[in-house]
Amino acid sequence: MINTFRFQPSSLLKIARNLKFYHKLNINYSIFSLMNSEPTQYNKVFNRIELDNENKKQQQQQQQQQQDHFKKEEDSNENKDNNTYYTFKWLLKFTAGLYILKKVILDYSVLSGSSMQPTLDSGELVFINKWDRHYKVNDLVTLVSPLSMDLICKRIRFVEGDTIIISQDYQNQILKTLTIPKGYVWIEGDNPKTSFDSRHYGPVPIRLLEGKLLFRVYPPTFFTVQENIPETTTLKLN
């Protein structure tokens, strides 16, 4: 006859409690043994624990310093990128502003040639008002030459609707009358001996005009008030 042993739940619970108590008893005994051991051994153990804690703290501090350093570098690089972006953006706006100013509002030019003497001489620096597009007689203007596409400076002598008489003082010219058509002006240089202008190629479209002369740098002169205007050999028919 075979005997069987059957574990009861209460038996298992009792065994577990005994093991837990034994384990706790061993831990308490180890601590008690350590506390009652020689002072040197006790100090060694706790010094080692303190040393380990200090090493862990130092490692944590080093890791934190490295993280802070990397973060500062990232922030610095990000700031550099932002500064570069904002600098480029500012330069782009500044360049666009200069372009608009030069093309639409105010421009400058250095004159060349003697066709505008004695009013203007070659090499003089002038500023051009490109905003005011209402042209009238005796305005000093810069325009694109209808023949060479160069920028030239002339004086408006007649505007649309004026009827003029072209004299015979110029070679290859015949005496005739001409009415300036709409959208055109008649331009001449103040020096008729050297100027090549409407007396040779007729009226020019207003669209070729770049703007009015506003100011001469030296000698300082504003051209808003016209004085000492040279006479023209082209006569207006009243």
C-alpha atoms as a PDB file:
ATOM      1  CA  MET A   1       0.000   0.000   0.000  1.00  0.00           C
ATOM      2  CA  ILE A   2       1.411   3.367  -1.155  1.00  0.00           C
ATOM      3  CA  ASN A   3       1.068   6.369   1.119  1.00  0.00           C
ATOM      4  CA  THR A   4       0.283   9.674  -0.588  1.00  0.00           C
ATOM      5  CA  PHE A   5       1.035  13.052   0.838  1.00  0.00           C
ATOM      6  CA  ARG A   6      -1.185  15.859  -0.191  1.00  0.00           C
ATOM      7  CA  PHE A   7      -0.224  19.524   0.277  1.00  0.00           C
ATOM      8  CA  GLN A   8      -2.873  21.600   1.819  1.00  0.00           C
ATOM      9  CA  PRO A   9      -3.135  25.349   1.087  1.00  0.00           C
ATOM     10  CA  SER A  10      -2.680  26.069   4.744  1.00  0.00           C
ATOM     11  CA  SER A  11       0.542  24.061   4.707  1.00  0.00           C
ATOM     12  CA  LEU A  12       1.890  26.024   1.751  1.00  0.00           C
ATOM     13  CA  LEU A  13       1.014  29.295   3.469  1.00  0.00           C
ATOM     14  CA  LYS A  14       2.743  28.177   6.630  1.00  0.00           C
ATOM     15  CA  ILE A  15       5.898  27.166   4.736  1.00  0.00           C
ATOM     16  CA  ALA A  16       5.986  30.531   2.957  1.00  0.00           C
ATOM     17  CA  ARG A  17       5.700  32.372   6.258  1.00  0.00           C
ATOM     18  CA  ASN A  18       8.514  30.334   7.737  1.00  0.00           C
ATOM     19  CA  LEU A  19      10.771  31.053   4.749  1.00  0.00           C
ATOM     20  CA  LYS A  20       9.972  34.772   4.923  1.00  0.00           C
ATOM     21  CA  PHE A  21      10.701  34.840   8.640  1.00  0.00           C
ATOM     22  CA  TYR A  22      13.949  32.949   8.076  1.00  0.00           C
ATOM     23  CA  HIS A  23      15.017  35.343   5.371  1.00  0.00           C
ATOM     24  CA  LYS A  24      14.272  38.339   7.572  1.00  0.00           C
ATOM     25  CA  LEU A  25      16.079  36.674  10.430  1.00  0.00           C
ATOM     26  CA  ASN A  26      19.167  36.200   8.243  1.00  0.00           C
ATOM     27  CA  ILE A  27      19.131  39.849   7.163  1.00  0.00           C
ATOM     28  CA  ASN A  28      18.759  41.081  10.722  1.00  0.00           C
ATOM     29  CA  TYR A  29      21.472  38.734  11.850  1.00  0.00           C
ATOM     30  CA  SER A  30      23.807  40.001   9.106  1.00  0.00           C
ATOM     31  CA  ILE A  31      23.232  43.607  10.129  1.00  0.00           C
ATOM     32  CA  PHE A  32      23.660  42.704  13.794  1.00  0.00           C
ATOM     33  CA  SER A  33      26.854  40.820  13.015  1.00  0.00           C
ATOM     34  CA  LEU A  34      28.132  43.752  11.020  1.00  0.00           C
ATOM     35  CA  MET A  35      27.384  46.244  13.782  1.00  0.00           C
ATOM     36  CA  ASN A  36      29.082  44.033  16.364  1.00  0.00           C
ATOM     37  CA  SER A  37      32.098  43.327  14.236  1.00  0.00           C
ATOM     38  CA  GLU A  38      35.359  45.171  14.544  1.00  0.00           C
ATOM     39  CA  PRO A  39      35.180  48.947  14.014  1.00  0.00           C
ATOM     40  CA  THR A  40      37.681  48.872  11.156  1.00  0.00           C
ATOM     41  CA  GLN A  41      35.639  46.407   9.164  1.00  0.00           C
ATOM     42  CA  TYR A  42      32.482  48.373   9.888  1.00  0.00           C
ATOM     43  CA  ASN A  43      34.122  51.621   8.747  1.00  0.00           C
ATOM     44  CA  LYS A  44      35.509  49.972   5.623  1.00  0.00           C
ATOM     45  CA  VAL A  45      32.099  48.797   4.564  1.00  0.00           C
ATOM     46  CA  PHE A  46      30.409  52.147   5.119  1.00  0.00           C
ATOM     47  CA  ASN A  47      33.333  54.041   3.597  1.00  0.00           C
ATOM     48  CA  ARG A  48      32.990  51.897   0.535  1.00  0.00           C
ATOM     49  CA  ILE A  49      29.277  52.641   0.418  1.00  0.00           C
ATOM     50  CA  GLU A  50      29.937  56.376   0.763  1.00  0.00           C
ATOM     51  CA  LEU A  51      32.644  56.196  -1.894  1.00  0.00           C
ATOM     52  CA  ASP A  52      30.281  54.434  -4.266  1.00  0.00           C
ATOM     53  CA  ASN A  53      27.655  57.074  -3.619  1.00  0.00           C
ATOM     54  CA  GLU A  54      30.154  59.857  -4.264  1.00  0.00           C
ATOM     55  CA  ASN A  55      31.294  58.196  -7.485  1.00  0.00           C
ATOM     56  CA  LYS A  56      27.701  57.906  -8.595  1.00  0.00           C
ATOM     57  CA  LYS A  57      27.122  61.572  -7.774  1.00  0.00           C
ATOM     58  CA  GLN A  58      30.237  62.588  -9.705  1.00  0.00           C
ATOM     59  CA  GLN A  59      29.171  60.502 -12.672  1.00  0.00           C
ATOM     60  CA  GLN A  60      25.742  62.063 -12.560  1.00  0.00           C
ATOM     61  CA  GLN A  61      27.281  65.533 -12.341  1.00  0.00           C
ATOM     62  CA  GLN A  62      29.576  64.798 -15.284  1.00  0.00           C
ATOM     63  CA  GLN A  63      26.677  63.483 -17.314  1.00  0.00           C
ATOM     64  CA  GLN A  64      24.650  66.567 -16.419  1.00  0.00           C
ATOM     65  CA  GLN A  65      27.555  68.843 -17.382  1.00  0.00           C
ATOM     66  CA  GLN A  66      27.938  67.057 -20.702  1.00  0.00           C
ATOM     67  CA  GLN A  67      24.227  67.374 -21.362  1.00  0.00           C
ATOM     68  CA  ASP A  68      24.349  71.080 -20.461  1.00  0.00           C
ATOM     69  CA  HIS A  69      27.356  71.543 -22.728  1.00  0.00           C
ATOM     70  CA  PHE A  70      25.661  69.814 -25.649  1.00  0.00           C
ATOM     71  CA  LYS A  71      22.525  71.819 -25.021  1.00  0.00           C
ATOM     72  CA  LYS A  72      24.503  75.072 -25.029  1.00  0.00           C
ATOM     73  CA  GLU A  73      26.170  74.077 -28.298  1.00  0.00           C
ATOM     74  CA  GLU A  74      22.815  73.250 -29.829  1.00  0.00           C
ATOM     75  CA  ASP A  75      21.384  76.561 -28.623  1.00  0.00           C
ATOM     76  CA  SER A  76      24.442  78.384 -29.951  1.00  0.00           C
ATOM     77  CA  ASN A  77      24.158  76.700 -33.352  1.00  0.00           C
ATOM     78  CA  GLU A  78      20.453  77.432 -33.422  1.00  0.00           C
ATOM     79  CA  ASN A  79      21.111  81.087 -32.570  1.00  0.00           C
ATOM     80  CA  LYS A  80      23.732  81.271 -35.329  1.00  0.00           C
ATOM     81  CA  ASP A  81      21.271  79.801 -37.801  1.00  0.00           C
ATOM     82  CA  ASN A  82      18.609  82.252 -36.662  1.00  0.00           C
ATOM     83  CA  ASN A  83      21.041  85.167 -36.914  1.00  0.00           C
ATOM     84  CA  THR A  84      22.069  84.081 -40.413  1.00  0.00           C
ATOM     85  CA  TYR A  85      18.437  83.752 -41.439  1.00  0.00           C
ATOM     86  CA  TYR A  86      17.435  87.147 -40.058  1.00  0.00           C
ATOM     87  CA  THR A  87      20.550  88.795 -41.556  1.00  0.00           C
ATOM     88  CA  PHE A  88      19.781  87.317 -44.969  1.00  0.00           C
ATOM     89  CA  LYS A  89      16.144  88.356 -44.619  1.00  0.00           C
ATOM     90  CA  TRP A  90      17.166  91.916 -43.684  1.00  0.00           C
ATOM     91  CA  LEU A  91      19.610  92.135 -46.607  1.00  0.00           C
ATOM     92  CA  LEU A  92      16.938  90.854 -48.967  1.00  0.00           C
ATOM     93  CA  LYS A  93      14.472  93.497 -47.771  1.00  0.00           C
ATOM     94  CA  PHE A  94      17.139  96.204 -47.926  1.00  0.00           C
ATOM     95  CA  THR A  95      18.104  95.226 -51.478  1.00  0.00           C
ATOM     96  CA  ALA A  96      14.461  95.119 -52.555  1.00  0.00           C
ATOM     97  CA  GLY A  97      13.921  98.536 -50.977  1.00  0.00           C
ATOM     98  CA  LEU A  98      16.927 100.009 -52.826  1.00  0.00           C
ATOM     99  CA  TYR A  99      15.726  98.489 -56.089  1.00  0.00           C
ATOM    100  CA  ILE A 100      12.249  99.978 -55.664  1.00  0.00           C
ATOM    101  CA  LEU A 101      13.748 103.331 -54.651  1.00  0.00           C
ATOM    102  CA  LYS A 102      16.030 103.388 -57.693  1.00  0.00           C
ATOM    103  CA  LYS A 103      13.435 102.197 -60.201  1.00  0.00           C
ATOM    104  CA  VAL A 104      10.374 104.056 -58.978  1.00  0.00           C
ATOM    105  CA  ILE A 105      11.267 107.008 -56.741  1.00  0.00           C
ATOM    106  CA  LEU A 106      14.807 108.384 -56.940  1.00  0.00           C
ATOM    107  CA  ASP A 107      17.826 107.581 -59.072  1.00  0.00           C
ATOM    108  CA  TYR A 108      21.196 109.172 -59.815  1.00  0.00           C
ATOM    109  CA  SER A 109      23.343 109.548 -62.902  1.00  0.00           C
ATOM    110  CA  VAL A 110      26.718 110.946 -63.944  1.00  0.00           C
ATOM    111  CA  LEU A 111      26.380 113.121 -67.037  1.00  0.00           C
ATOM    112  CA  SER A 112      28.616 112.800 -70.056  1.00  0.00           C
ATOM    113  CA  GLY A 113      29.051 114.918 -73.156  1.00  0.00           C
ATOM    114  CA  SER A 114      28.672 118.630 -73.860  1.00  0.00           C
ATOM    115  CA  SER A 115      25.145 118.732 -75.336  1.00  0.00           C
ATOM    116  CA  MET A 116      23.702 120.396 -72.204  1.00  0.00           C
ATOM    117  CA  GLN A 117      26.309 123.134 -71.764  1.00  0.00           C
ATOM    118  CA  PRO A 118      26.302 125.713 -70.295  1.00  0.00           C
ATOM    119  CA  THR A 119      23.549 124.403 -67.975  1.00  0.00           C
ATOM    120  CA  LEU A 120      25.218 121.081 -67.209  1.00  0.00           C
ATOM    121  CA  ASP A 121      28.760 119.833 -67.736  1.00  0.00           C
ATOM    122  CA  SER A 122      30.148 116.374 -68.322  1.00  0.00           C
ATOM    123  CA  GLY A 123      30.972 114.444 -65.136  1.00  0.00           C
ATOM    124  CA  GLU A 124      28.392 116.151 -62.933  1.00  0.00           C
ATOM    125  CA  LEU A 125      26.379 113.975 -60.547  1.00  0.00           C
ATOM    126  CA  VAL A 126      22.629 114.573 -60.630  1.00  0.00           C
ATOM    127  CA  PHE A 127      19.642 113.021 -58.862  1.00  0.00           C
ATOM    128  CA  ILE A 128      16.550 112.138 -60.872  1.00  0.00           C
ATOM    129  CA  ASN A 129      12.950 112.310 -59.675  1.00  0.00           C
ATOM    130  CA  LYS A 130      11.265 109.218 -61.152  1.00  0.00           C
ATOM    131  CA  TRP A 131       8.049 109.532 -59.186  1.00  0.00           C
ATOM    132  CA  ASP A 132       6.672 112.695 -60.835  1.00  0.00           C
ATOM    133  CA  ARG A 133       5.602 111.741 -64.352  1.00  0.00           C
ATOM    134  CA  HIS A 134       3.889 115.040 -65.214  1.00  0.00           C
ATOM    135  CA  TYR A 135       6.237 116.634 -67.721  1.00  0.00           C
ATOM    136  CA  LYS A 136       6.070 120.237 -68.853  1.00  0.00           C
ATOM    137  CA  VAL A 137       8.006 122.637 -71.043  1.00  0.00           C
ATOM    138  CA  ASN A 138      11.604 123.397 -69.924  1.00  0.00           C
ATOM    139  CA  ASP A 139      11.856 120.354 -67.667  1.00  0.00           C
ATOM    140  CA  LEU A 140      15.334 118.810 -67.678  1.00  0.00           C
ATOM    141  CA  VAL A 141      14.870 115.086 -68.195  1.00  0.00           C
ATOM    142  CA  THR A 142      16.815 111.897 -68.679  1.00  0.00           C
ATOM    143  CA  LEU A 143      15.582 109.501 -71.317  1.00  0.00           C
ATOM    144  CA  VAL A 144      16.560 106.506 -73.362  1.00  0.00           C
ATOM    145  CA  SER A 145      17.806 107.586 -76.765  1.00  0.00           C
ATOM    146  CA  PRO A 146      15.466 106.325 -79.516  1.00  0.00           C
ATOM    147  CA  LEU A 147      18.511 105.591 -81.682  1.00  0.00           C
ATOM    148  CA  SER A 148      21.227 104.124 -79.452  1.00  0.00           C
ATOM    149  CA  MET A 149      19.221 103.109 -76.341  1.00  0.00           C
ATOM    150  CA  ASP A 150      21.772 105.040 -74.240  1.00  0.00           C
ATOM    151  CA  LEU A 151      20.661 107.230 -71.328  1.00  0.00           C
ATOM    152  CA  ILE A 152      20.807 110.891 -72.353  1.00  0.00           C
ATOM    153  CA  CYS A 153      19.893 114.212 -70.766  1.00  0.00           C
ATOM    154  CA  LYS A 154      17.843 116.840 -72.648  1.00  0.00           C
ATOM    155  CA  ARG A 155      15.351 119.645 -72.119  1.00  0.00           C
ATOM    156  CA  ILE A 156      11.672 119.428 -73.033  1.00  0.00           C
ATOM    157  CA  ARG A 157      10.940 122.245 -75.437  1.00  0.00           C
ATOM    158  CA  PHE A 158       7.421 121.351 -76.583  1.00  0.00           C
ATOM    159  CA  VAL A 159       4.692 119.004 -75.456  1.00  0.00           C
ATOM    160  CA  GLU A 160       1.751 117.279 -77.118  1.00  0.00           C
ATOM    161  CA  GLY A 161      -0.560 119.616 -79.041  1.00  0.00           C
ATOM    162  CA  ASP A 162       2.115 122.254 -79.723  1.00  0.00           C
ATOM    163  CA  THR A 163       2.643 123.161 -83.373  1.00  0.00           C
ATOM    164  CA  ILE A 164       6.212 124.121 -84.207  1.00  0.00           C
ATOM    165  CA  ILE A 165       8.235 125.447 -87.136  1.00  0.00           C
ATOM    166  CA  ILE A 166      11.460 123.596 -87.874  1.00  0.00           C
ATOM    167  CA  SER A 167      14.082 126.012 -89.198  1.00  0.00           C
ATOM    168  CA  GLN A 168      16.658 125.438 -91.931  1.00  0.00           C
ATOM    169  CA  ASP A 169      19.635 126.082 -89.661  1.00  0.00           C
ATOM    170  CA  TYR A 170      20.522 122.365 -89.529  1.00  0.00           C
ATOM    171  CA  GLN A 171      21.946 120.314 -92.337  1.00  0.00           C
ATOM    172  CA  ASN A 172      19.563 117.953 -94.148  1.00  0.00           C
ATOM    173  CA  GLN A 173      16.543 119.678 -92.566  1.00  0.00           C
ATOM    174  CA  ILE A 174      13.734 121.373 -94.517  1.00  0.00           C
ATOM    175  CA  LEU A 175      11.414 124.137 -93.386  1.00  0.00           C
ATOM    176  CA  LYS A 176       8.120 122.650 -92.217  1.00  0.00           C
ATOM    177  CA  THR A 177       5.517 122.751 -89.476  1.00  0.00           C
ATOM    178  CA  LEU A 178       4.816 119.891 -87.098  1.00  0.00           C
ATOM    179  CA  THR A 179       2.200 119.266 -84.400  1.00  0.00           C
ATOM    180  CA  ILE A 180       3.467 117.205 -81.477  1.00  0.00           C
ATOM    181  CA  PRO A 181       1.231 114.095 -81.274  1.00  0.00           C
ATOM    182  CA  LYS A 182      -0.353 112.824 -78.086  1.00  0.00           C
ATOM    183  CA  GLY A 183       2.020 110.916 -75.846  1.00  0.00           C
ATOM    184  CA  TYR A 184       5.109 112.599 -77.348  1.00  0.00           C
ATOM    185  CA  VAL A 185       7.429 115.490 -76.458  1.00  0.00           C
ATOM    186  CA  TRP A 186      10.008 117.529 -78.322  1.00  0.00           C
ATOM    187  CA  ILE A 187      13.456 117.519 -76.699  1.00  0.00           C
ATOM    188  CA  GLU A 188      16.584 119.569 -77.374  1.00  0.00           C
ATOM    189  CA  GLY A 189      19.986 120.052 -75.813  1.00  0.00           C
ATOM    190  CA  ASP A 190      21.000 123.444 -74.467  1.00  0.00           C
ATOM    191  CA  ASN A 191      24.057 123.379 -76.722  1.00  0.00           C
ATOM    192  CA  PRO A 192      22.586 123.242 -80.277  1.00  0.00           C
ATOM    193  CA  LYS A 193      26.014 122.906 -81.914  1.00  0.00           C
ATOM    194  CA  THR A 194      26.760 119.502 -80.349  1.00  0.00           C
ATOM    195  CA  SER A 195      23.321 118.165 -79.382  1.00  0.00           C
ATOM    196  CA  PHE A 196      21.681 115.387 -81.381  1.00  0.00           C
ATOM    197  CA  ASP A 197      17.997 115.574 -80.506  1.00  0.00           C
ATOM    198  CA  SER A 198      14.426 115.958 -81.807  1.00  0.00           C
ATOM    199  CA  ARG A 199      15.631 118.375 -84.468  1.00  0.00           C
ATOM    200  CA  HIS A 200      17.218 115.321 -86.079  1.00  0.00           C
ATOM    201  CA  TYR A 201      14.880 112.421 -85.216  1.00  0.00           C
ATOM    202  CA  GLY A 202      11.618 114.160 -84.350  1.00  0.00           C
ATOM    203  CA  PRO A 203       9.369 113.879 -81.275  1.00  0.00           C
ATOM    204  CA  VAL A 204      10.051 111.082 -78.774  1.00  0.00           C
ATOM    205  CA  PRO A 205       7.495 108.979 -76.876  1.00  0.00           C
ATOM    206  CA  ILE A 206       6.975 109.890 -73.236  1.00  0.00           C
ATOM    207  CA  ARG A 207       7.515 106.236 -72.300  1.00  0.00           C
ATOM    208  CA  LEU A 208      11.238 106.715 -73.082  1.00  0.00           C
ATOM    209  CA  LEU A 209      11.566 109.386 -70.400  1.00  0.00           C
ATOM    210  CA  GLU A 210      13.148 108.132 -67.180  1.00  0.00           C
ATOM    211  CA  GLY A 211      12.468 111.143 -64.952  1.00  0.00           C
ATOM    212  CA  LYS A 212      13.114 114.795 -64.160  1.00  0.00           C
ATOM    213  CA  LEU A 213      16.423 116.183 -62.965  1.00  0.00           C
ATOM    214  CA  LEU A 214      15.904 117.126 -59.329  1.00  0.00           C
ATOM    215  CA  PHE A 215      19.249 118.116 -57.866  1.00  0.00           C
ATOM    216  CA  ARG A 216      22.874 118.595 -58.871  1.00  0.00           C
ATOM    217  CA  VAL A 217      25.469 117.731 -56.226  1.00  0.00           C
ATOM    218  CA  TYR A 218      28.126 120.275 -57.188  1.00  0.00           C
ATOM    219  CA  PRO A 219      27.631 123.104 -57.494  1.00  0.00           C
ATOM    220  CA  PRO A 220      24.494 122.432 -55.429  1.00  0.00           C
ATOM    221  CA  THR A 221      21.482 123.241 -57.580  1.00  0.00           C
ATOM    222  CA  PHE A 222      17.799 122.402 -57.451  1.00  0.00           C
ATOM    223  CA  PHE A 223      16.150 122.275 -60.871  1.00  0.00           C
ATOM    224  CA  THR A 224      12.650 123.012 -59.621  1.00  0.00           C
ATOM    225  CA  VAL A 225      13.167 126.675 -60.490  1.00  0.00           C
ATOM    226  CA  GLN A 226      14.314 127.222 -64.084  1.00  0.00           C
ATOM    227  CA  GLU A 227      16.625 130.165 -64.682  1.00  0.00           C
ATOM    228  CA  ASN A 228      18.741 131.300 -67.638  1.00  0.00           C
ATOM    229  CA  ILE A 229      17.093 128.931 -70.082  1.00  0.00           C
ATOM    230  CA  PRO A 230      18.833 129.051 -73.483  1.00  0.00           C
ATOM    231  CA  GLU A 231      16.679 129.981 -76.458  1.00  0.00           C
ATOM    232  CA  THR A 232      15.835 127.438 -79.141  1.00  0.00           C
ATOM    233  CA  THR A 233      15.951 127.900 -82.891  1.00  0.00           C
ATOM    234  CA  THR A 234      12.798 125.792 -83.184  1.00  0.00           C
ATOM    235  CA  LEU A 235       9.833 128.157 -83.143  1.00  0.00           C
ATOM    236  CA  LYS A 236       6.371 127.522 -81.794  1.00  0.00           C
ATOM    237  CA  LEU A 237       3.539 128.464 -84.148  1.00  0.00           C
ATOM    238  CA  ASN A 238       0.927 130.422 -82.201  1.00  0.00           C
END
